Amino acid sequence: MERARRAANYCPPDEGELTNNIQIDFSAIPKHVSDDLAATVLDCVKDFLRQPGGKEILDARIAAKRAALKGANT
């Protein structure tokens, strides 16, 4: 039911039009593909955190995102 409602409300952008919204039907992605993608993303995050200053950069981005969300909710 929820999927049908979301599909009914989705209006794709015109060809070539830029958008900030991305619609992904995760149920259409086979499990082995999503597992491979998750493993790859995890490896990338670990590699990033191993770089000098990587953790600090990530922590700063997380703090900025939280502050922006908190400001939007108040």
PDB file of N, CA and C in Angstrom:
ATOM      1  N   MET A   1       0.825  -1.193   0.000  1.00  0.00           N
ATOM      2  CA  MET A   1       0.000   0.000   0.000  1.00  0.00           C
ATOM      3  C   MET A   1       0.870   1.259   0.000  1.00  0.00           C
ATOM      4  N   GLU A   2       1.875   1.277   0.902  1.00  0.00           N
ATOM      5  CA  GLU A   2       2.776   2.433   0.977  1.00  0.00           C
ATOM      6  C   GLU A   2       3.502   2.638  -0.343  1.00  0.00           C
ATOM      7  N   ARG A   3       3.957   1.545  -0.940  1.00  0.00           N
ATOM      8  CA  ARG A   3       4.674   1.634  -2.221  1.00  0.00           C
ATOM      9  C   ARG A   3       3.772   2.225  -3.308  1.00  0.00           C
ATOM     10  N   ALA A   4       2.534   1.807  -3.347  1.00  0.00           N
ATOM     11  CA  ALA A   4       1.603   2.322  -4.351  1.00  0.00           C
ATOM     12  C   ALA A   4       1.362   3.816  -4.142  1.00  0.00           C
ATOM     13  N   ARG A   5       1.253   4.248  -2.875  1.00  0.00           N
ATOM     14  CA  ARG A   5       1.043   5.665  -2.587  1.00  0.00           C
ATOM     15  C   ARG A   5       2.242   6.487  -3.039  1.00  0.00           C
ATOM     16  N   ARG A   6       3.461   5.995  -2.730  1.00  0.00           N
ATOM     17  CA  ARG A   6       4.665   6.727  -3.142  1.00  0.00           C
ATOM     18  C   ARG A   6       4.756   6.801  -4.660  1.00  0.00           C
ATOM     19  N   ALA A   7       4.435   5.697  -5.335  1.00  0.00           N
ATOM     20  CA  ALA A   7       4.506   5.675  -6.789  1.00  0.00           C
ATOM     21  C   ALA A   7       3.507   6.654  -7.392  1.00  0.00           C
ATOM     22  N   ALA A   8       2.333   6.768  -6.786  1.00  0.00           N
ATOM     23  CA  ALA A   8       1.307   7.676  -7.291  1.00  0.00           C
ATOM     24  C   ALA A   8       1.722   9.131  -7.113  1.00  0.00           C
ATOM     25  N   ASN A   9       2.502   9.414  -6.066  1.00  0.00           N
ATOM     26  CA  ASN A   9       2.930  10.780  -5.786  1.00  0.00           C
ATOM     27  C   ASN A   9       4.209  11.171  -6.505  1.00  0.00           C
ATOM     28  N   TYR A  10       4.875  10.218  -7.145  1.00  0.00           N
ATOM     29  CA  TYR A  10       6.152  10.501  -7.787  1.00  0.00           C
ATOM     30  C   TYR A  10       5.929  11.069  -9.175  1.00  0.00           C
ATOM     31  N   CYS A  11       6.552  12.194  -9.425  1.00  0.00           N
ATOM     32  CA  CYS A  11       6.496  12.813 -10.746  1.00  0.00           C
ATOM     33  C   CYS A  11       7.941  13.032 -11.197  1.00  0.00           C
ATOM     34  N   PRO A  12       8.444  12.229 -12.139  1.00  0.00           N
ATOM     35  CA  PRO A  12       9.839  12.369 -12.547  1.00  0.00           C
ATOM     36  C   PRO A  12      10.101  13.712 -13.214  1.00  0.00           C
ATOM     37  N   PRO A  13      11.339  14.221 -13.084  1.00  0.00           N
ATOM     38  CA  PRO A  13      11.670  15.483 -13.743  1.00  0.00           C
ATOM     39  C   PRO A  13      11.718  15.306 -15.248  1.00  0.00           C
ATOM     40  N   ASP A  14      11.586  16.406 -15.965  1.00  0.00           N
ATOM     41  CA  ASP A  14      11.698  16.363 -17.416  1.00  0.00           C
ATOM     42  C   ASP A  14      13.107  15.964 -17.807  1.00  0.00           C
ATOM     43  N   GLU A  15      13.260  15.389 -18.981  1.00  0.00           N
ATOM     44  CA  GLU A  15      14.568  14.973 -19.494  1.00  0.00           C
ATOM     45  C   GLU A  15      15.548  16.138 -19.445  1.00  0.00           C
ATOM     46  N   GLY A  16      16.705  15.932 -18.835  1.00  0.00           N
ATOM     47  CA  GLY A  16      17.732  16.963 -18.758  1.00  0.00           C
ATOM     48  C   GLY A  16      17.559  17.945 -17.615  1.00  0.00           C
ATOM     49  N   GLU A  17      16.444  17.872 -16.902  1.00  0.00           N
ATOM     50  CA  GLU A  17      16.189  18.782 -15.782  1.00  0.00           C
ATOM     51  C   GLU A  17      16.941  18.290 -14.545  1.00  0.00           C
ATOM     52  N   LEU A  18      17.571  19.212 -13.837  1.00  0.00           N
ATOM     53  CA  LEU A  18      18.270  18.857 -12.608  1.00  0.00           C
ATOM     54  C   LEU A  18      17.278  18.742 -11.466  1.00  0.00           C
ATOM     55  N   THR A  19      17.592  17.841 -10.543  1.00  0.00           N
ATOM     56  CA  THR A  19      16.715  17.652  -9.385  1.00  0.00           C
ATOM     57  C   THR A  19      17.543  17.309  -8.160  1.00  0.00           C
ATOM     58  N   ASN A  20      17.040  17.630  -6.998  1.00  0.00           N
ATOM     59  CA  ASN A  20      17.680  17.253  -5.746  1.00  0.00           C
ATOM     60  C   ASN A  20      17.079  15.980  -5.181  1.00  0.00           C
ATOM     61  N   ASN A  21      16.049  15.462  -5.810  1.00  0.00           N
ATOM     62  CA  ASN A  21      15.358  14.278  -5.321  1.00  0.00           C
ATOM     63  C   ASN A  21      15.717  13.073  -6.178  1.00  0.00           C
ATOM     64  N   ILE A  22      16.023  11.982  -5.506  1.00  0.00           N
ATOM     65  CA  ILE A  22      16.329  10.736  -6.198  1.00  0.00           C
ATOM     66  C   ILE A  22      15.366   9.681  -5.677  1.00  0.00           C
ATOM     67  N   GLN A  23      14.729   8.973  -6.568  1.00  0.00           N
ATOM     68  CA  GLN A  23      13.807   7.906  -6.205  1.00  0.00           C
ATOM     69  C   GLN A  23      14.470   6.570  -6.523  1.00  0.00           C
ATOM     70  N   ILE A  24      14.622   5.706  -5.533  1.00  0.00           N
ATOM     71  CA  ILE A  24      15.222   4.391  -5.723  1.00  0.00           C
ATOM     72  C   ILE A  24      14.271   3.343  -5.180  1.00  0.00           C
ATOM     73  N   ASP A  25      13.957   2.366  -6.001  1.00  0.00           N
ATOM     74  CA  ASP A  25      13.117   1.247  -5.570  1.00  0.00           C
ATOM     75  C   ASP A  25      14.053   0.144  -5.080  1.00  0.00           C
ATOM     76  N   PHE A  26      14.342   0.140  -3.773  1.00  0.00           N
ATOM     77  CA  PHE A  26      15.285  -0.814  -3.215  1.00  0.00           C
ATOM     78  C   PHE A  26      14.799  -2.253  -3.335  1.00  0.00           C
ATOM     79  N   SER A  27      13.506  -2.451  -3.413  1.00  0.00           N
ATOM     80  CA  SER A  27      12.990  -3.816  -3.531  1.00  0.00           C
ATOM     81  C   SER A  27      13.321  -4.423  -4.893  1.00  0.00           C
ATOM     82  N   ALA A  28      13.702  -3.595  -5.867  1.00  0.00           N
ATOM     83  CA  ALA A  28      14.048  -4.101  -7.190  1.00  0.00           C
ATOM     84  C   ALA A  28      15.530  -4.480  -7.297  1.00  0.00           C
ATOM     85  N   ILE A  29      16.303  -4.202  -6.245  1.00  0.00           N
ATOM     86  CA  ILE A  29      17.732  -4.511  -6.253  1.00  0.00           C
ATOM     87  C   ILE A  29      17.919  -5.899  -5.648  1.00  0.00           C
ATOM     88  N   PRO A  30      18.528  -6.826  -6.392  1.00  0.00           N
ATOM     89  CA  PRO A  30      18.743  -8.177  -5.853  1.00  0.00           C
ATOM     90  C   PRO A  30      19.610  -8.133  -4.591  1.00  0.00           C
ATOM     91  N   LYS A  31      19.376  -9.062  -3.673  1.00  0.00           N
ATOM     92  CA  LYS A  31      20.084  -9.078  -2.392  1.00  0.00           C
ATOM     93  C   LYS A  31      21.593  -9.147  -2.582  1.00  0.00           C
ATOM     94  N   HIS A  32      22.066  -9.962  -3.516  1.00  0.00           N
ATOM     95  CA  HIS A  32      23.517 -10.083  -3.690  1.00  0.00           C
ATOM     96  C   HIS A  32      24.133  -8.764  -4.181  1.00  0.00           C
ATOM     97  N   VAL A  33      23.384  -7.994  -4.930  1.00  0.00           N
ATOM     98  CA  VAL A  33      23.877  -6.695  -5.409  1.00  0.00           C
ATOM     99  C   VAL A  33      23.913  -5.696  -4.254  1.00  0.00           C
ATOM    100  N   SER A  34      22.861  -5.667  -3.438  1.00  0.00           N
ATOM    101  CA  SER A  34      22.847  -4.736  -2.304  1.00  0.00           C
ATOM    102  C   SER A  34      23.918  -5.115  -1.281  1.00  0.00           C
ATOM    103  N   ASP A  35      24.171  -6.420  -1.110  1.00  0.00           N
ATOM    104  CA  ASP A  35      25.243  -6.856  -0.204  1.00  0.00           C
ATOM    105  C   ASP A  35      26.607  -6.400  -0.717  1.00  0.00           C
ATOM    106  N   ASP A  36      26.852  -6.544  -2.009  1.00  0.00           N
ATOM    107  CA  ASP A  36      28.115  -6.091  -2.609  1.00  0.00           C
ATOM    108  C   ASP A  36      28.275  -4.584  -2.471  1.00  0.00           C
ATOM    109  N   LEU A  37      27.201  -3.853  -2.696  1.00  0.00           N
ATOM    110  CA  LEU A  37      27.243  -2.392  -2.574  1.00  0.00           C
ATOM    111  C   LEU A  37      27.536  -1.976  -1.140  1.00  0.00           C
ATOM    112  N   ALA A  38      26.881  -2.607  -0.184  1.00  0.00           N
ATOM    113  CA  ALA A  38      27.100  -2.285   1.230  1.00  0.00           C
ATOM    114  C   ALA A  38      28.548  -2.570   1.625  1.00  0.00           C
ATOM    115  N   ALA A  39      29.092  -3.695   1.187  1.00  0.00           N
ATOM    116  CA  ALA A  39      30.477  -4.044   1.503  1.00  0.00           C
ATOM    117  C   ALA A  39      31.445  -3.038   0.893  1.00  0.00           C
ATOM    118  N   THR A  40      31.176  -2.600  -0.321  1.00  0.00           N
ATOM    119  CA  THR A  40      32.034  -1.625  -0.993  1.00  0.00           C
ATOM    120  C   THR A  40      31.998  -0.280  -0.278  1.00  0.00           C
ATOM    121  N   VAL A  41      30.811   0.155   0.112  1.00  0.00           N
ATOM    122  CA  VAL A  41      30.682   1.430   0.833  1.00  0.00           C
ATOM    123  C   VAL A  41      31.412   1.350   2.168  1.00  0.00           C
ATOM    124  N   LEU A  42      31.263   0.236   2.880  1.00  0.00           N
ATOM    125  CA  LEU A  42      31.948   0.066   4.154  1.00  0.00           C
ATOM    126  C   LEU A  42      33.467   0.124   3.972  1.00  0.00           C
ATOM    127  N   ASP A  43      33.984  -0.535   2.945  1.00  0.00           N
ATOM    128  CA  ASP A  43      35.421  -0.487   2.663  1.00  0.00           C
ATOM    129  C   ASP A  43      35.881   0.941   2.381  1.00  0.00           C
ATOM    130  N   CYS A  44      35.087   1.689   1.629  1.00  0.00           N
ATOM    131  CA  CYS A  44      35.439   3.084   1.305  1.00  0.00           C
ATOM    132  C   CYS A  44      35.469   3.946   2.565  1.00  0.00           C
ATOM    133  N   VAL A  45      34.500   3.756   3.442  1.00  0.00           N
ATOM    134  CA  VAL A  45      34.453   4.534   4.688  1.00  0.00           C
ATOM    135  C   VAL A  45      35.664   4.196   5.554  1.00  0.00           C
ATOM    136  N   LYS A  46      35.981   2.915   5.660  1.00  0.00           N
ATOM    137  CA  LYS A  46      37.150   2.510   6.449  1.00  0.00           C
ATOM    138  C   LYS A  46      38.435   3.117   5.877  1.00  0.00           C
ATOM    139  N   ASP A  47      38.581   3.069   4.552  1.00  0.00           N
ATOM    140  CA  ASP A  47      39.756   3.677   3.909  1.00  0.00           C
ATOM    141  C   ASP A  47      39.820   5.178   4.177  1.00  0.00           C
ATOM    142  N   PHE A  48      38.698   5.852   4.109  1.00  0.00           N
ATOM    143  CA  PHE A  48      38.645   7.290   4.358  1.00  0.00           C
ATOM    144  C   PHE A  48      39.059   7.597   5.793  1.00  0.00           C
ATOM    145  N   LEU A  49      38.564   6.802   6.740  1.00  0.00           N
ATOM    146  CA  LEU A  49      38.872   7.030   8.146  1.00  0.00           C
ATOM    147  C   LEU A  49      40.347   6.761   8.475  1.00  0.00           C
ATOM    148  N   ARG A  50      40.994   5.902   7.674  1.00  0.00           N
ATOM    149  CA  ARG A  50      42.414   5.615   7.887  1.00  0.00           C
ATOM    150  C   ARG A  50      43.313   6.767   7.432  1.00  0.00           C
ATOM    151  N   GLN A  51      42.816   7.624   6.562  1.00  0.00           N
ATOM    152  CA  GLN A  51      43.616   8.740   6.062  1.00  0.00           C
ATOM    153  C   GLN A  51      43.811   9.769   7.171  1.00  0.00           C
ATOM    154  N   PRO A  52      44.983  10.438   7.182  1.00  0.00           N
ATOM    155  CA  PRO A  52      45.211  11.487   8.182  1.00  0.00           C
ATOM    156  C   PRO A  52      44.119  12.563   8.102  1.00  0.00           C
ATOM    157  N   GLY A  53      43.483  12.829   9.223  1.00  0.00           N
ATOM    158  CA  GLY A  53      42.439  13.845   9.279  1.00  0.00           C
ATOM    159  C   GLY A  53      41.075  13.367   8.804  1.00  0.00           C
ATOM    160  N   GLY A  54      40.978  12.140   8.351  1.00  0.00           N
ATOM    161  CA  GLY A  54      39.713  11.626   7.819  1.00  0.00           C
ATOM    162  C   GLY A  54      38.599  11.616   8.846  1.00  0.00           C
ATOM    163  N   LYS A  55      38.916  11.128  10.047  1.00  0.00           N
ATOM    164  CA  LYS A  55      37.886  11.076  11.100  1.00  0.00           C
ATOM    165  C   LYS A  55      37.427  12.481  11.477  1.00  0.00           C
ATOM    166  N   GLU A  56      38.366  13.408  11.562  1.00  0.00           N
ATOM    167  CA  GLU A  56      38.016  14.784  11.918  1.00  0.00           C
ATOM    168  C   GLU A  56      37.117  15.426  10.860  1.00  0.00           C
ATOM    169  N   ILE A  57      37.435  15.172   9.600  1.00  0.00           N
ATOM    170  CA  ILE A  57      36.612  15.707   8.506  1.00  0.00           C
ATOM    171  C   ILE A  57      35.190  15.147   8.597  1.00  0.00           C
ATOM    172  N   LEU A  58      35.103  13.837   8.797  1.00  0.00           N
ATOM    173  CA  LEU A  58      33.786  13.199   8.877  1.00  0.00           C
ATOM    174  C   LEU A  58      33.014  13.688  10.092  1.00  0.00           C
ATOM    175  N   ASP A  59      33.701  13.797  11.241  1.00  0.00           N
ATOM    176  CA  ASP A  59      33.037  14.293  12.445  1.00  0.00           C
ATOM    177  C   ASP A  59      32.504  15.709  12.247  1.00  0.00           C
ATOM    178  N   ALA A  60      33.280  16.559  11.573  1.00  0.00           N
ATOM    179  CA  ALA A  60      32.850  17.936  11.320  1.00  0.00           C
ATOM    180  C   ALA A  60      31.623  17.966  10.411  1.00  0.00           C
ATOM    181  N   ARG A  61      31.615  17.122   9.386  1.00  0.00           N
ATOM    182  CA  ARG A  61      30.460  17.079   8.476  1.00  0.00           C
ATOM    183  C   ARG A  61      29.210  16.577   9.192  1.00  0.00           C
ATOM    184  N   ILE A  62      29.384  15.574  10.059  1.00  0.00           N
ATOM    185  CA  ILE A  62      28.248  15.043  10.817  1.00  0.00           C
ATOM    186  C   ILE A  62      27.705  16.112  11.751  1.00  0.00           C
ATOM    187  N   ALA A  63      28.598  16.833  12.438  1.00  0.00           N
ATOM    188  CA  ALA A  63      28.165  17.889  13.355  1.00  0.00           C
ATOM    189  C   ALA A  63      27.422  18.994  12.602  1.00  0.00           C
ATOM    190  N   ALA A  64      27.923  19.363  11.434  1.00  0.00           N
ATOM    191  CA  ALA A  64      27.265  20.404  10.633  1.00  0.00           C
ATOM    192  C   ALA A  64      25.884  19.941  10.182  1.00  0.00           C
ATOM    193  N   LYS A  65      25.786  18.693   9.770  1.00  0.00           N
ATOM    194  CA  LYS A  65      24.499  18.152   9.323  1.00  0.00           C
ATOM    195  C   LYS A  65      23.498  18.124  10.484  1.00  0.00           C
ATOM    196  N   ARG A  66      23.953  17.683  11.648  1.00  0.00           N
ATOM    197  CA  ARG A  66      23.067  17.649  12.823  1.00  0.00           C
ATOM    198  C   ARG A  66      22.604  19.053  13.208  1.00  0.00           C
ATOM    199  N   ALA A  67      23.522  20.012  13.151  1.00  0.00           N
ATOM    200  CA  ALA A  67      23.171  21.392  13.492  1.00  0.00           C
ATOM    201  C   ALA A  67      22.143  21.937  12.498  1.00  0.00           C
ATOM    202  N   ALA A  68      22.328  21.633  11.227  1.00  0.00           N
ATOM    203  CA  ALA A  68      21.388  22.095  10.208  1.00  0.00           C
ATOM    204  C   ALA A  68      20.016  21.467  10.410  1.00  0.00           C
ATOM    205  N   LEU A  69      19.992  20.168  10.730  1.00  0.00           N
ATOM    206  CA  LEU A  69      18.715  19.507  10.976  1.00  0.00           C
ATOM    207  C   LEU A  69      18.046  20.037  12.221  1.00  0.00           C
ATOM    208  N   LYS A  70      18.834  20.280  13.262  1.00  0.00           N
ATOM    209  CA  LYS A  70      18.276  20.808  14.502  1.00  0.00           C
ATOM    210  C   LYS A  70      17.703  22.209  14.261  1.00  0.00           C
ATOM    211  N   GLY A  71      18.406  23.029  13.487  1.00  0.00           N
ATOM    212  CA  GLY A  71      17.921  24.368  13.167  1.00  0.00           C
ATOM    213  C   GLY A  71      16.655  24.352  12.331  1.00  0.00           C
ATOM    214  N   ALA A  72      16.528  23.348  11.458  1.00  0.00           N
ATOM    215  CA  ALA A  72      15.345  23.248  10.611  1.00  0.00           C
ATOM    216  C   ALA A  72      14.138  22.761  11.403  1.00  0.00           C
ATOM    217  N   ASN A  73      14.386  22.041  12.483  1.00  0.00           N
ATOM    218  CA  ASN A  73      13.280  21.476  13.286  1.00  0.00           C
ATOM    219  C   ASN A  73      12.827  22.375  14.407  1.00  0.00           C
ATOM    220  N   THR A  74      13.515  23.511  14.613  1.00  0.00           N
ATOM    221  CA  THR A  74      13.109  24.379  15.710  1.00  0.00           C
ATOM    222  C   THR A  74      12.290  25.547  15.221  1.00  0.00           C
TER     223      THR A  74
END
